[in-house]
Every structure is written in C-alpha cells, then in structure tokens.
Amino acid sequence: MARSTDNKTTGARLAVNKTYKLYIGGKFPRTESGRYDKIADRRGNTLANACRGSRKDLREAVVAARAATGSWQAASAYLRSQILYRIAEIMEGRSEQFIAQLAALGATRAAAERETASAIDRLVYFAGWCDKITQVFGSINPVASAHYNFSTLEATGVVGIVAPDDSALLGLVSLLAPALAGGNTCVVLAQQANPLSAITLAEVLHASDVPAGVVNVLTGRADEIVPHLARHKDVNALVHCLAPGNLRTSLERDAAINIKRVFSRHGANWRSDAEENPYVITDTQEVKTTWHPVGM
C-alpha cells in the first residue's frame, strides 16, 4: 500500500539536529545518563541538542583535570602563553560561527560581533600575563636572619567554573583564561540556557594544543551539577556567577566543609576594561615561600 505522503515527493525533510557531547579528558564522550536538553532559538525552533551531564560525568571530569595538573603547572609560562594565544587565533578563524550562534539565541548581530571580538581580545590579554605574573606579584622578603626569603605564586590546582547566565562567551572566557594563565586545570559547567558557545569553545580548545584534561566542559542543569561540584574534595577552588539564592547558599556552605576557595563574579560587567585585570589571576593562586641560607 502506497504512503499518502512522501518526504521525497513533497520536498519536505526532517532536520538532523546535532547532539553536542561533553568534553572530558581531551575527548568528546556522551553523557553516561543518556539524557539531553533541546537548545532552541529565539523563535522556539530547535537548533541542536546538548547532553545533560550527571554526577558521574562530573567525577570523570575532575579525575581528568587532576591528572593534567602536574604537566600543566610544570609547563613553562611561555608555553602556556603560546597556547592561550593559539586559542585566540582559532577563535578568530571561527568567529563567524560564534557570532551566528549568539545571534540565533537572541543577540543582535552587532552585539554578537562585539562579544566574540571581546572574548578573543581577552584571551590575548591574559596570554600576555602568563610570563609576567610571578615577577609582578612575587617578592624577595626582608627577614631578620641570614636567609634569602622568596615568595612566588603557584597554581591552586583544579578550579571549578560555573559560567555566567548573562554572557555565554565573553563571560566564560573571562573566568577561564585567568585560571589557565596561572597554571590551573578547570572543570567548566556551561551556561544552561545557551551552552552552544561553551561547546564550540571546547572544540576550539581541542584544536589549540591545550593538553587533554586541562579544560573539561560539562553541559547540563546547574541545580544537578553545582552541589556535587561544591562537595567534591578534589576540587580546590570555585569561581561562579550564581545569583543570591538557595543554590548559591548551598554552594558556599558545601565548599566551606572541605575548605575550598570560593569567588563570586555575579554582576560583573564583562565588557568593562576592569575585567582585564591581573589580580583575577591571583584569585586562583597560592603563595609559596622559600627560605635559602646566606653564607653557610
């Protein structure tokens, strides 16, 4: 029996929407939960699907980030600088994709162009600080003994980042770049409503000489992932943009239990020149002091 309608004869076809995966340990796995969320444009049309990450996905991301800490911290500041600059280079080449995604999800064309350009410029800015941060913020300390006393900065370790809701690309880059410049590895939770920029950024990172595990990107729901990120004892610091409320309160309470550093960037003006500031690198740094005897 013949069909009453046929896509081939009518010219209609079903769209094949891409399902974006997570980015963990330099690979793009599907979420173990098997769940996904639809990403819709401003008119409500489905653009793509994004994996809804789980607690197990978070654990895998933290394991990958921890495994990468030694080599990334040991990398020379010059090398980290070159890698951050390489990220900016590839973003520049794919800028039209970022612009189109931001515009599809509600931004004007002009605003999308400004956000993309500013994100690229911010990466270049922090790339320039990689080999300067220690000499600017380190010191030789006067001590009342026959010793040289040196203070230098070193990376905190694994940093959890909760992306802002008001700036899917520039805000995320403004949190990620200083953490990487200081030698930290990162577990990023992308913006829930608009994860496309973060997922595309993960593809850029994969092609930018960033070692596997240095940046891990999860998509999903904040109320599911954030509590586990705050409680995880192998995450050393958190940088978030959560508005005051129950989720932020629970994050701060849970982080205090295992003595994480917590930095809130809620309400930041991401386009402000004040965001190009080396002090945000020091947020996720520890001070290491070395004593050396003199004349012995």
C-alpha atoms as a PDB file:
ATOM      1  CA  MET A   1       0.000   0.000   0.000  1.00  0.00           C
ATOM      2  CA  ALA A   2       1.480   3.350  -1.041  1.00  0.00           C
ATOM      3  CA  ARG A   3       2.042   6.106   1.514  1.00  0.00           C
ATOM      4  CA  SER A   4      -0.292   9.078   1.324  1.00  0.00           C
ATOM      5  CA  THR A   5       2.605  11.447   1.773  1.00  0.00           C
ATOM      6  CA  ASP A   6       6.269  11.082   0.966  1.00  0.00           C
ATOM      7  CA  ASN A   7       9.048  13.439   2.092  1.00  0.00           C
ATOM      8  CA  LYS A   8      10.934  12.873  -1.153  1.00  0.00           C
ATOM      9  CA  THR A   9       7.980  13.808  -3.363  1.00  0.00           C
ATOM     10  CA  THR A  10       6.751  16.722  -1.254  1.00  0.00           C
ATOM     11  CA  GLY A  11      10.204  18.203  -0.820  1.00  0.00           C
ATOM     12  CA  ALA A  12       9.873  18.225   2.989  1.00  0.00           C
ATOM     13  CA  ARG A  13      12.520  16.575   5.162  1.00  0.00           C
ATOM     14  CA  LEU A  14      13.235  16.042   8.805  1.00  0.00           C
ATOM     15  CA  ALA A  15      16.048  18.168  10.180  1.00  0.00           C
ATOM     16  CA  VAL A  16      19.008  16.226  11.555  1.00  0.00           C
ATOM     17  CA  ASN A  17      19.864  18.239  14.656  1.00  0.00           C
ATOM     18  CA  LYS A  18      23.323  17.828  16.094  1.00  0.00           C
ATOM     19  CA  THR A  19      23.640  16.474  19.620  1.00  0.00           C
ATOM     20  CA  TYR A  20      26.666  18.116  21.211  1.00  0.00           C
ATOM     21  CA  LYS A  21      28.700  15.967  23.563  1.00  0.00           C
ATOM     22  CA  LEU A  22      30.653  16.725  26.705  1.00  0.00           C
ATOM     23  CA  TYR A  23      34.378  17.494  26.660  1.00  0.00           C
ATOM     24  CA  ILE A  24      36.312  15.428  29.209  1.00  0.00           C
ATOM     25  CA  GLY A  25      39.970  14.457  29.187  1.00  0.00           C
ATOM     26  CA  GLY A  26      40.535  15.682  25.648  1.00  0.00           C
ATOM     27  CA  LYS A  27      37.670  13.568  24.278  1.00  0.00           C
ATOM     28  CA  PHE A  28      34.013  14.147  23.460  1.00  0.00           C
ATOM     29  CA  PRO A  29      32.036  11.457  25.294  1.00  0.00           C
ATOM     30  CA  ARG A  30      28.275  11.179  25.533  1.00  0.00           C
ATOM     31  CA  THR A  31      26.809  11.621  28.971  1.00  0.00           C
ATOM     32  CA  GLU A  32      26.521   8.361  30.850  1.00  0.00           C
ATOM     33  CA  SER A  33      22.976   9.362  31.836  1.00  0.00           C
ATOM     34  CA  GLY A  34      21.723   9.172  28.254  1.00  0.00           C
ATOM     35  CA  ARG A  35      19.782  12.429  28.753  1.00  0.00           C
ATOM     36  CA  TYR A  36      19.834  15.552  26.647  1.00  0.00           C
ATOM     37  CA  ASP A  37      18.229  19.000  26.507  1.00  0.00           C
ATOM     38  CA  LYS A  38      16.976  20.831  23.445  1.00  0.00           C
ATOM     39  CA  ILE A  39      18.567  24.160  22.537  1.00  0.00           C
ATOM     40  CA  ALA A  40      16.007  26.469  20.929  1.00  0.00           C
ATOM     41  CA  ASP A  41      16.443  29.719  19.031  1.00  0.00           C
ATOM     42  CA  ARG A  42      14.580  32.932  19.791  1.00  0.00           C
ATOM     43  CA  ARG A  43      11.523  31.659  17.891  1.00  0.00           C
ATOM     44  CA  GLY A  44      11.433  28.370  19.776  1.00  0.00           C
ATOM     45  CA  ASN A  45      12.830  26.292  16.910  1.00  0.00           C
ATOM     46  CA  THR A  46      15.228  23.523  17.913  1.00  0.00           C
ATOM     47  CA  LEU A  47      18.811  24.331  16.920  1.00  0.00           C
ATOM     48  CA  ALA A  48      20.576  21.368  18.490  1.00  0.00           C
ATOM     49  CA  ASN A  49      20.650  19.066  21.468  1.00  0.00           C
ATOM     50  CA  ALA A  50      23.077  19.203  24.389  1.00  0.00           C
ATOM     51  CA  CYS A  51      23.957  16.359  26.729  1.00  0.00           C
ATOM     52  CA  ARG A  52      22.600  16.737  30.242  1.00  0.00           C
ATOM     53  CA  GLY A  53      25.644  15.916  32.353  1.00  0.00           C
ATOM     54  CA  SER A  54      25.408  13.831  35.515  1.00  0.00           C
ATOM     55  CA  ARG A  55      27.265  13.399  38.784  1.00  0.00           C
ATOM     56  CA  LYS A  56      29.312  10.604  37.226  1.00  0.00           C
ATOM     57  CA  ASP A  57      30.279  12.844  34.306  1.00  0.00           C
ATOM     58  CA  LEU A  58      31.457  15.423  36.837  1.00  0.00           C
ATOM     59  CA  ARG A  59      33.574  12.823  38.633  1.00  0.00           C
ATOM     60  CA  GLU A  60      35.186  11.825  35.355  1.00  0.00           C
ATOM     61  CA  ALA A  61      35.918  15.478  34.559  1.00  0.00           C
ATOM     62  CA  VAL A  62      37.572  16.075  37.948  1.00  0.00           C
ATOM     63  CA  VAL A  63      39.699  12.929  37.559  1.00  0.00           C
ATOM     64  CA  ALA A  64      40.841  14.171  34.137  1.00  0.00           C
ATOM     65  CA  ALA A  65      41.589  17.656  35.481  1.00  0.00           C
ATOM     66  CA  ARG A  66      43.587  16.293  38.412  1.00  0.00           C
ATOM     67  CA  ALA A  67      45.619  14.026  36.141  1.00  0.00           C
ATOM     68  CA  ALA A  68      46.551  17.028  33.986  1.00  0.00           C
ATOM     69  CA  THR A  69      47.611  19.350  36.826  1.00  0.00           C
ATOM     70  CA  GLY A  70      51.228  18.198  37.082  1.00  0.00           C
ATOM     71  CA  SER A  71      52.163  18.676  33.445  1.00  0.00           C
ATOM     72  CA  TRP A  72      50.206  21.925  33.027  1.00  0.00           C
ATOM     73  CA  GLN A  73      51.726  23.511  36.141  1.00  0.00           C
ATOM     74  CA  ALA A  74      55.177  22.323  35.071  1.00  0.00           C
ATOM     75  CA  ALA A  75      54.779  23.828  31.595  1.00  0.00           C
ATOM     76  CA  SER A  76      56.760  26.999  31.098  1.00  0.00           C
ATOM     77  CA  ALA A  77      54.894  30.278  31.339  1.00  0.00           C
ATOM     78  CA  TYR A  78      55.957  30.971  27.759  1.00  0.00           C
ATOM     79  CA  LEU A  79      54.299  27.744  26.576  1.00  0.00           C
ATOM     80  CA  ARG A  80      51.061  28.490  28.409  1.00  0.00           C
ATOM     81  CA  SER A  81      51.110  31.948  26.839  1.00  0.00           C
ATOM     82  CA  GLN A  82      51.528  30.490  23.361  1.00  0.00           C
ATOM     83  CA  ILE A  83      48.675  28.038  23.901  1.00  0.00           C
ATOM     84  CA  LEU A  84      46.288  30.757  25.089  1.00  0.00           C
ATOM     85  CA  TYR A  85      47.255  32.839  22.076  1.00  0.00           C
ATOM     86  CA  ARG A  86      46.629  29.825  19.844  1.00  0.00           C
ATOM     87  CA  ILE A  87      43.102  29.539  21.276  1.00  0.00           C
ATOM     88  CA  ALA A  88      42.538  33.170  20.286  1.00  0.00           C
ATOM     89  CA  GLU A  89      43.895  32.504  16.794  1.00  0.00           C
ATOM     90  CA  ILE A  90      41.497  29.624  16.173  1.00  0.00           C
ATOM     91  CA  MET A  91      38.578  31.551  17.636  1.00  0.00           C
ATOM     92  CA  GLU A  92      39.373  34.354  15.218  1.00  0.00           C
ATOM     93  CA  GLY A  93      39.155  31.889  12.336  1.00  0.00           C
ATOM     94  CA  ARG A  94      35.832  30.540  13.607  1.00  0.00           C
ATOM     95  CA  SER A  95      34.418  33.867  14.730  1.00  0.00           C
ATOM     96  CA  GLU A  96      31.533  33.721  12.265  1.00  0.00           C
ATOM     97  CA  GLN A  97      30.312  30.513  13.914  1.00  0.00           C
ATOM     98  CA  PHE A  98      30.335  32.105  17.370  1.00  0.00           C
ATOM     99  CA  ILE A  99      28.578  35.203  16.036  1.00  0.00           C
ATOM    100  CA  ALA A 100      25.896  33.132  14.300  1.00  0.00           C
ATOM    101  CA  GLN A 101      25.237  31.066  17.427  1.00  0.00           C
ATOM    102  CA  LEU A 102      24.920  34.104  19.677  1.00  0.00           C
ATOM    103  CA  ALA A 103      22.619  35.812  17.169  1.00  0.00           C
ATOM    104  CA  ALA A 104      20.435  32.704  16.787  1.00  0.00           C
ATOM    105  CA  LEU A 105      19.894  32.641  20.535  1.00  0.00           C
ATOM    106  CA  GLY A 106      18.729  36.238  20.826  1.00  0.00           C
ATOM    107  CA  ALA A 107      21.646  38.646  20.486  1.00  0.00           C
ATOM    108  CA  THR A 108      21.657  41.272  17.769  1.00  0.00           C
ATOM    109  CA  ARG A 109      24.243  40.821  15.058  1.00  0.00           C
ATOM    110  CA  ALA A 110      26.203  43.829  16.294  1.00  0.00           C
ATOM    111  CA  ALA A 111      26.152  42.624  19.909  1.00  0.00           C
ATOM    112  CA  ALA A 112      27.258  39.128  18.861  1.00  0.00           C
ATOM    113  CA  GLU A 113      30.154  40.597  16.881  1.00  0.00           C
ATOM    114  CA  ARG A 114      31.246  42.713  19.868  1.00  0.00           C
ATOM    115  CA  GLU A 115      31.055  39.802  22.293  1.00  0.00           C
ATOM    116  CA  THR A 116      33.057  37.497  20.039  1.00  0.00           C
ATOM    117  CA  ALA A 117      35.744  40.108  19.353  1.00  0.00           C
ATOM    118  CA  SER A 118      35.986  40.978  23.056  1.00  0.00           C
ATOM    119  CA  ALA A 119      36.356  37.290  24.008  1.00  0.00           C
ATOM    120  CA  ILE A 120      39.230  36.873  21.551  1.00  0.00           C
ATOM    121  CA  ASP A 121      40.909  40.065  22.783  1.00  0.00           C
ATOM    122  CA  ARG A 122      40.564  38.916  26.400  1.00  0.00           C
ATOM    123  CA  LEU A 123      42.364  35.666  25.651  1.00  0.00           C
ATOM    124  CA  VAL A 124      45.208  37.636  24.082  1.00  0.00           C
ATOM    125  CA  TYR A 125      45.343  39.888  27.149  1.00  0.00           C
ATOM    126  CA  PHE A 126      45.712  37.013  29.604  1.00  0.00           C
ATOM    127  CA  ALA A 127      48.132  35.211  27.297  1.00  0.00           C
ATOM    128  CA  GLY A 128      50.418  38.193  27.750  1.00  0.00           C
ATOM    129  CA  TRP A 129      50.352  37.830  31.538  1.00  0.00           C
ATOM    130  CA  CYS A 130      51.473  34.203  31.753  1.00  0.00           C
ATOM    131  CA  ASP A 131      55.192  35.018  31.944  1.00  0.00           C
ATOM    132  CA  LYS A 132      54.768  38.224  33.975  1.00  0.00           C
ATOM    133  CA  ILE A 133      52.516  37.266  36.865  1.00  0.00           C
ATOM    134  CA  THR A 134      55.283  35.823  39.063  1.00  0.00           C
ATOM    135  CA  GLN A 135      57.680  38.723  38.655  1.00  0.00           C
ATOM    136  CA  VAL A 136      54.911  41.266  39.336  1.00  0.00           C
ATOM    137  CA  PHE A 137      53.330  39.549  42.337  1.00  0.00           C
ATOM    138  CA  GLY A 138      56.336  37.625  43.681  1.00  0.00           C
ATOM    139  CA  SER A 139      58.843  39.240  46.030  1.00  0.00           C
ATOM    140  CA  ILE A 140      62.086  38.989  47.966  1.00  0.00           C
ATOM    141  CA  ASN A 141      61.093  39.452  51.609  1.00  0.00           C
ATOM    142  CA  PRO A 142      63.232  41.157  54.267  1.00  0.00           C
ATOM    143  CA  VAL A 143      63.864  38.764  57.177  1.00  0.00           C
ATOM    144  CA  ALA A 144      65.828  39.147  60.420  1.00  0.00           C
ATOM    145  CA  SER A 145      68.127  36.196  59.804  1.00  0.00           C
ATOM    146  CA  ALA A 146      70.875  35.074  57.451  1.00  0.00           C
ATOM    147  CA  HIS A 147      68.466  33.917  54.748  1.00  0.00           C
ATOM    148  CA  TYR A 148      67.067  34.910  51.420  1.00  0.00           C
ATOM    149  CA  ASN A 149      63.290  34.682  51.583  1.00  0.00           C
ATOM    150  CA  PHE A 150      61.413  34.400  48.280  1.00  0.00           C
ATOM    151  CA  SER A 151      57.636  34.411  47.754  1.00  0.00           C
ATOM    152  CA  THR A 152      56.265  33.210  44.432  1.00  0.00           C
ATOM    153  CA  LEU A 153      52.859  32.246  43.101  1.00  0.00           C
ATOM    154  CA  GLU A 154      51.801  28.772  42.075  1.00  0.00           C
ATOM    155  CA  ALA A 155      48.528  27.326  40.821  1.00  0.00           C
ATOM    156  CA  THR A 156      45.824  26.311  43.277  1.00  0.00           C
ATOM    157  CA  GLY A 157      45.055  23.120  41.332  1.00  0.00           C
ATOM    158  CA  VAL A 158      41.641  22.067  39.982  1.00  0.00           C
ATOM    159  CA  VAL A 159      39.246  25.008  39.600  1.00  0.00           C
ATOM    160  CA  GLY A 160      35.516  24.571  39.119  1.00  0.00           C
ATOM    161  CA  ILE A 161      33.892  27.270  36.987  1.00  0.00           C
ATOM    162  CA  VAL A 162      30.146  27.948  36.793  1.00  0.00           C
ATOM    163  CA  ALA A 163      29.594  30.049  33.678  1.00  0.00           C
ATOM    164  CA  PRO A 164      27.532  33.251  33.853  1.00  0.00           C
ATOM    165  CA  ASP A 165      23.970  33.396  32.546  1.00  0.00           C
ATOM    166  CA  ASP A 166      24.356  36.879  31.080  1.00  0.00           C
ATOM    167  CA  SER A 167      27.339  36.302  28.788  1.00  0.00           C
ATOM    168  CA  ALA A 168      27.647  32.890  27.201  1.00  0.00           C
ATOM    169  CA  LEU A 169      31.023  33.516  25.538  1.00  0.00           C
ATOM    170  CA  LEU A 170      32.801  36.599  26.870  1.00  0.00           C
ATOM    171  CA  GLY A 171      31.838  35.889  30.484  1.00  0.00           C
ATOM    172  CA  LEU A 172      33.040  32.300  30.240  1.00  0.00           C
ATOM    173  CA  VAL A 173      36.350  33.319  28.641  1.00  0.00           C
ATOM    174  CA  SER A 174      36.810  35.988  31.333  1.00  0.00           C
ATOM    175  CA  LEU A 175      36.631  33.270  34.007  1.00  0.00           C
ATOM    176  CA  LEU A 176      38.540  30.556  32.175  1.00  0.00           C
ATOM    177  CA  ALA A 177      41.502  32.496  30.748  1.00  0.00           C
ATOM    178  CA  PRO A 178      42.961  33.786  34.062  1.00  0.00           C
ATOM    179  CA  ALA A 179      42.677  30.353  35.666  1.00  0.00           C
ATOM    180  CA  LEU A 180      44.557  28.781  32.757  1.00  0.00           C
ATOM    181  CA  ALA A 181      47.140  31.567  32.646  1.00  0.00           C
ATOM    182  CA  GLY A 182      48.015  30.804  36.263  1.00  0.00           C
ATOM    183  CA  GLY A 183      48.551  27.095  35.577  1.00  0.00           C
ATOM    184  CA  ASN A 184      45.267  25.697  36.908  1.00  0.00           C
ATOM    185  CA  THR A 185      43.196  22.970  35.310  1.00  0.00           C
ATOM    186  CA  CYS A 186      39.454  23.546  35.033  1.00  0.00           C
ATOM    187  CA  VAL A 187      36.071  21.848  35.141  1.00  0.00           C
ATOM    188  CA  VAL A 188      33.521  24.147  33.495  1.00  0.00           C
ATOM    189  CA  LEU A 189      29.747  23.989  33.784  1.00  0.00           C
ATOM    190  CA  ALA A 190      28.386  25.755  30.705  1.00  0.00           C
ATOM    191  CA  GLN A 191      25.505  28.188  30.768  1.00  0.00           C
ATOM    192  CA  GLN A 192      22.310  26.161  30.992  1.00  0.00           C
ATOM    193  CA  ALA A 193      20.153  28.236  28.634  1.00  0.00           C
ATOM    194  CA  ASN A 194      22.818  28.788  25.977  1.00  0.00           C
ATOM    195  CA  PRO A 195      25.556  26.152  26.091  1.00  0.00           C
ATOM    196  CA  LEU A 196      26.415  26.398  22.379  1.00  0.00           C
ATOM    197  CA  SER A 197      29.225  28.921  22.841  1.00  0.00           C
ATOM    198  CA  ALA A 198      30.866  26.785  25.533  1.00  0.00           C
ATOM    199  CA  ILE A 199      30.586  23.629  23.428  1.00  0.00           C
ATOM    200  CA  THR A 200      32.043  25.358  20.387  1.00  0.00           C
ATOM    201  CA  LEU A 201      34.806  26.764  22.587  1.00  0.00           C
ATOM    202  CA  ALA A 202      35.562  23.179  23.674  1.00  0.00           C
ATOM    203  CA  GLU A 203      36.042  22.262  20.005  1.00  0.00           C
ATOM    204  CA  VAL A 204      38.432  25.203  19.668  1.00  0.00           C
ATOM    205  CA  LEU A 205      40.365  24.111  22.764  1.00  0.00           C
ATOM    206  CA  HIS A 206      40.665  20.605  21.340  1.00  0.00           C
ATOM    207  CA  ALA A 207      42.391  22.016  18.246  1.00  0.00           C
ATOM    208  CA  SER A 208      44.550  24.539  20.131  1.00  0.00           C
ATOM    209  CA  ASP A 209      47.349  22.428  21.680  1.00  0.00           C
ATOM    210  CA  VAL A 210      45.618  22.506  25.077  1.00  0.00           C
ATOM    211  CA  PRO A 211      46.703  19.249  26.766  1.00  0.00           C
ATOM    212  CA  ALA A 212      43.987  16.687  27.441  1.00  0.00           C
ATOM    213  CA  GLY A 213      42.258  17.245  30.757  1.00  0.00           C
ATOM    214  CA  VAL A 214      43.383  20.835  31.271  1.00  0.00           C
ATOM    215  CA  VAL A 215      39.883  22.082  30.412  1.00  0.00           C
ATOM    216  CA  ASN A 216      36.789  19.904  30.762  1.00  0.00           C
ATOM    217  CA  VAL A 217      33.369  21.216  29.732  1.00  0.00           C
ATOM    218  CA  LEU A 218      30.073  19.878  31.041  1.00  0.00           C
ATOM    219  CA  THR A 219      26.608  20.854  29.850  1.00  0.00           C
ATOM    220  CA  GLY A 220      23.543  20.313  31.965  1.00  0.00           C
ATOM    221  CA  ARG A 221      21.485  21.748  34.765  1.00  0.00           C
ATOM    222  CA  ALA A 222      23.057  23.846  37.481  1.00  0.00           C
ATOM    223  CA  ASP A 223      20.823  22.517  40.235  1.00  0.00           C
ATOM    224  CA  GLU A 224      22.037  18.989  39.458  1.00  0.00           C
ATOM    225  CA  ILE A 225      25.761  19.623  38.940  1.00  0.00           C
ATOM    226  CA  VAL A 226      26.671  22.541  41.234  1.00  0.00           C
ATOM    227  CA  PRO A 227      26.091  20.752  44.567  1.00  0.00           C
ATOM    228  CA  HIS A 228      28.378  17.884  43.563  1.00  0.00           C
ATOM    229  CA  LEU A 229      30.995  20.314  42.257  1.00  0.00           C
ATOM    230  CA  ALA A 230      30.975  22.160  45.579  1.00  0.00           C
ATOM    231  CA  ARG A 231      31.225  18.970  47.628  1.00  0.00           C
ATOM    232  CA  HIS A 232      33.916  17.260  45.559  1.00  0.00           C
ATOM    233  CA  LYS A 233      37.021  17.076  47.729  1.00  0.00           C
ATOM    234  CA  ASP A 234      39.442  17.065  44.793  1.00  0.00           C
ATOM    235  CA  VAL A 235      38.254  20.466  43.522  1.00  0.00           C
ATOM    236  CA  ASN A 236      40.438  23.171  45.084  1.00  0.00           C
ATOM    237  CA  ALA A 237      38.578  26.369  44.176  1.00  0.00           C
ATOM    238  CA  LEU A 238      35.301  27.556  42.695  1.00  0.00           C
ATOM    239  CA  VAL A 239      34.596  30.605  40.553  1.00  0.00           C
ATOM    240  CA  HIS A 240      30.885  31.137  39.988  1.00  0.00           C
ATOM    241  CA  CYS A 241      28.335  33.667  38.789  1.00  0.00           C
ATOM    242  CA  LEU A 242      25.297  32.418  40.700  1.00  0.00           C
ATOM    243  CA  ALA A 243      22.748  34.979  41.824  1.00  0.00           C
ATOM    244  CA  PRO A 244      21.896  35.131  45.534  1.00  0.00           C
ATOM    245  CA  GLY A 245      19.534  32.296  46.375  1.00  0.00           C
ATOM    246  CA  ASN A 246      19.323  28.729  47.596  1.00  0.00           C
ATOM    247  CA  LEU A 247      21.776  27.278  45.063  1.00  0.00           C
ATOM    248  CA  ARG A 248      24.451  29.867  45.819  1.00  0.00           C
ATOM    249  CA  THR A 249      23.947  29.475  49.572  1.00  0.00           C
ATOM    250  CA  SER A 250      24.306  25.705  49.371  1.00  0.00           C
ATOM    251  CA  LEU A 251      27.412  26.037  47.174  1.00  0.00           C
ATOM    252  CA  GLU A 252      29.114  28.291  49.704  1.00  0.00           C
ATOM    253  CA  ARG A 253      28.113  26.049  52.611  1.00  0.00           C
ATOM    254  CA  ASP A 254      29.255  22.831  50.929  1.00  0.00           C
ATOM    255  CA  ALA A 255      32.530  24.400  49.748  1.00  0.00           C
ATOM    256  CA  ALA A 256      33.317  25.507  53.301  1.00  0.00           C
ATOM    257  CA  ILE A 257      33.134  21.923  54.530  1.00  0.00           C
ATOM    258  CA  ASN A 258      36.227  20.973  52.525  1.00  0.00           C
ATOM    259  CA  ILE A 259      37.849  24.429  52.676  1.00  0.00           C
ATOM    260  CA  LYS A 260      37.577  25.445  49.035  1.00  0.00           C
ATOM    261  CA  ARG A 261      38.317  28.954  47.918  1.00  0.00           C
ATOM    262  CA  VAL A 262      35.116  30.459  46.502  1.00  0.00           C
ATOM    263  CA  PHE A 263      34.988  33.539  44.288  1.00  0.00           C
ATOM    264  CA  SER A 264      31.713  35.098  43.191  1.00  0.00           C
ATOM    265  CA  ARG A 265      31.718  37.101  39.958  1.00  0.00           C
ATOM    266  CA  HIS A 266      27.972  37.647  39.891  1.00  0.00           C
ATOM    267  CA  GLY A 267      27.086  41.035  38.475  1.00  0.00           C
ATOM    268  CA  ALA A 268      30.415  41.574  36.719  1.00  0.00           C
ATOM    269  CA  ASN A 269      30.388  43.887  33.705  1.00  0.00           C
ATOM    270  CA  TRP A 270      32.159  41.568  31.288  1.00  0.00           C
ATOM    271  CA  ARG A 271      32.709  44.237  28.631  1.00  0.00           C
ATOM    272  CA  SER A 272      34.378  46.576  31.090  1.00  0.00           C
ATOM    273  CA  ASP A 273      38.112  47.214  30.819  1.00  0.00           C
ATOM    274  CA  ALA A 274      38.236  46.426  34.533  1.00  0.00           C
ATOM    275  CA  GLU A 275      37.877  42.741  33.635  1.00  0.00           C
ATOM    276  CA  GLU A 276      41.330  42.910  32.021  1.00  0.00           C
ATOM    277  CA  ASN A 277      42.995  42.758  35.390  1.00  0.00           C
ATOM    278  CA  PRO A 278      45.939  40.584  36.522  1.00  0.00           C
ATOM    279  CA  TYR A 279      44.510  40.400  40.040  1.00  0.00           C
ATOM    280  CA  VAL A 280      41.872  37.925  38.850  1.00  0.00           C
ATOM    281  CA  ILE A 281      44.756  35.549  38.055  1.00  0.00           C
ATOM    282  CA  THR A 282      45.889  35.726  41.674  1.00  0.00           C
ATOM    283  CA  ASP A 283      42.426  34.639  42.856  1.00  0.00           C
ATOM    284  CA  THR A 284      43.303  31.057  41.973  1.00  0.00           C
ATOM    285  CA  GLN A 285      46.955  31.171  43.052  1.00  0.00           C
ATOM    286  CA  GLU A 286      48.723  30.140  46.248  1.00  0.00           C
ATOM    287  CA  VAL A 287      51.772  31.911  47.670  1.00  0.00           C
ATOM    288  CA  LYS A 288      54.806  29.680  48.108  1.00  0.00           C
ATOM    289  CA  THR A 289      57.667  30.962  50.272  1.00  0.00           C
ATOM    290  CA  THR A 290      61.190  29.556  50.105  1.00  0.00           C
ATOM    291  CA  TRP A 291      63.992  30.160  52.603  1.00  0.00           C
ATOM    292  CA  HIS A 292      67.629  29.905  51.496  1.00  0.00           C
ATOM    293  CA  PRO A 293      70.601  30.326  53.850  1.00  0.00           C
ATOM    294  CA  VAL A 294      73.159  33.023  53.168  1.00  0.00           C
ATOM    295  CA  GLY A 295      76.884  32.446  53.747  1.00  0.00           C
ATOM    296  CA  MET A 296      76.567  28.884  55.038  1.00  0.00           C
END
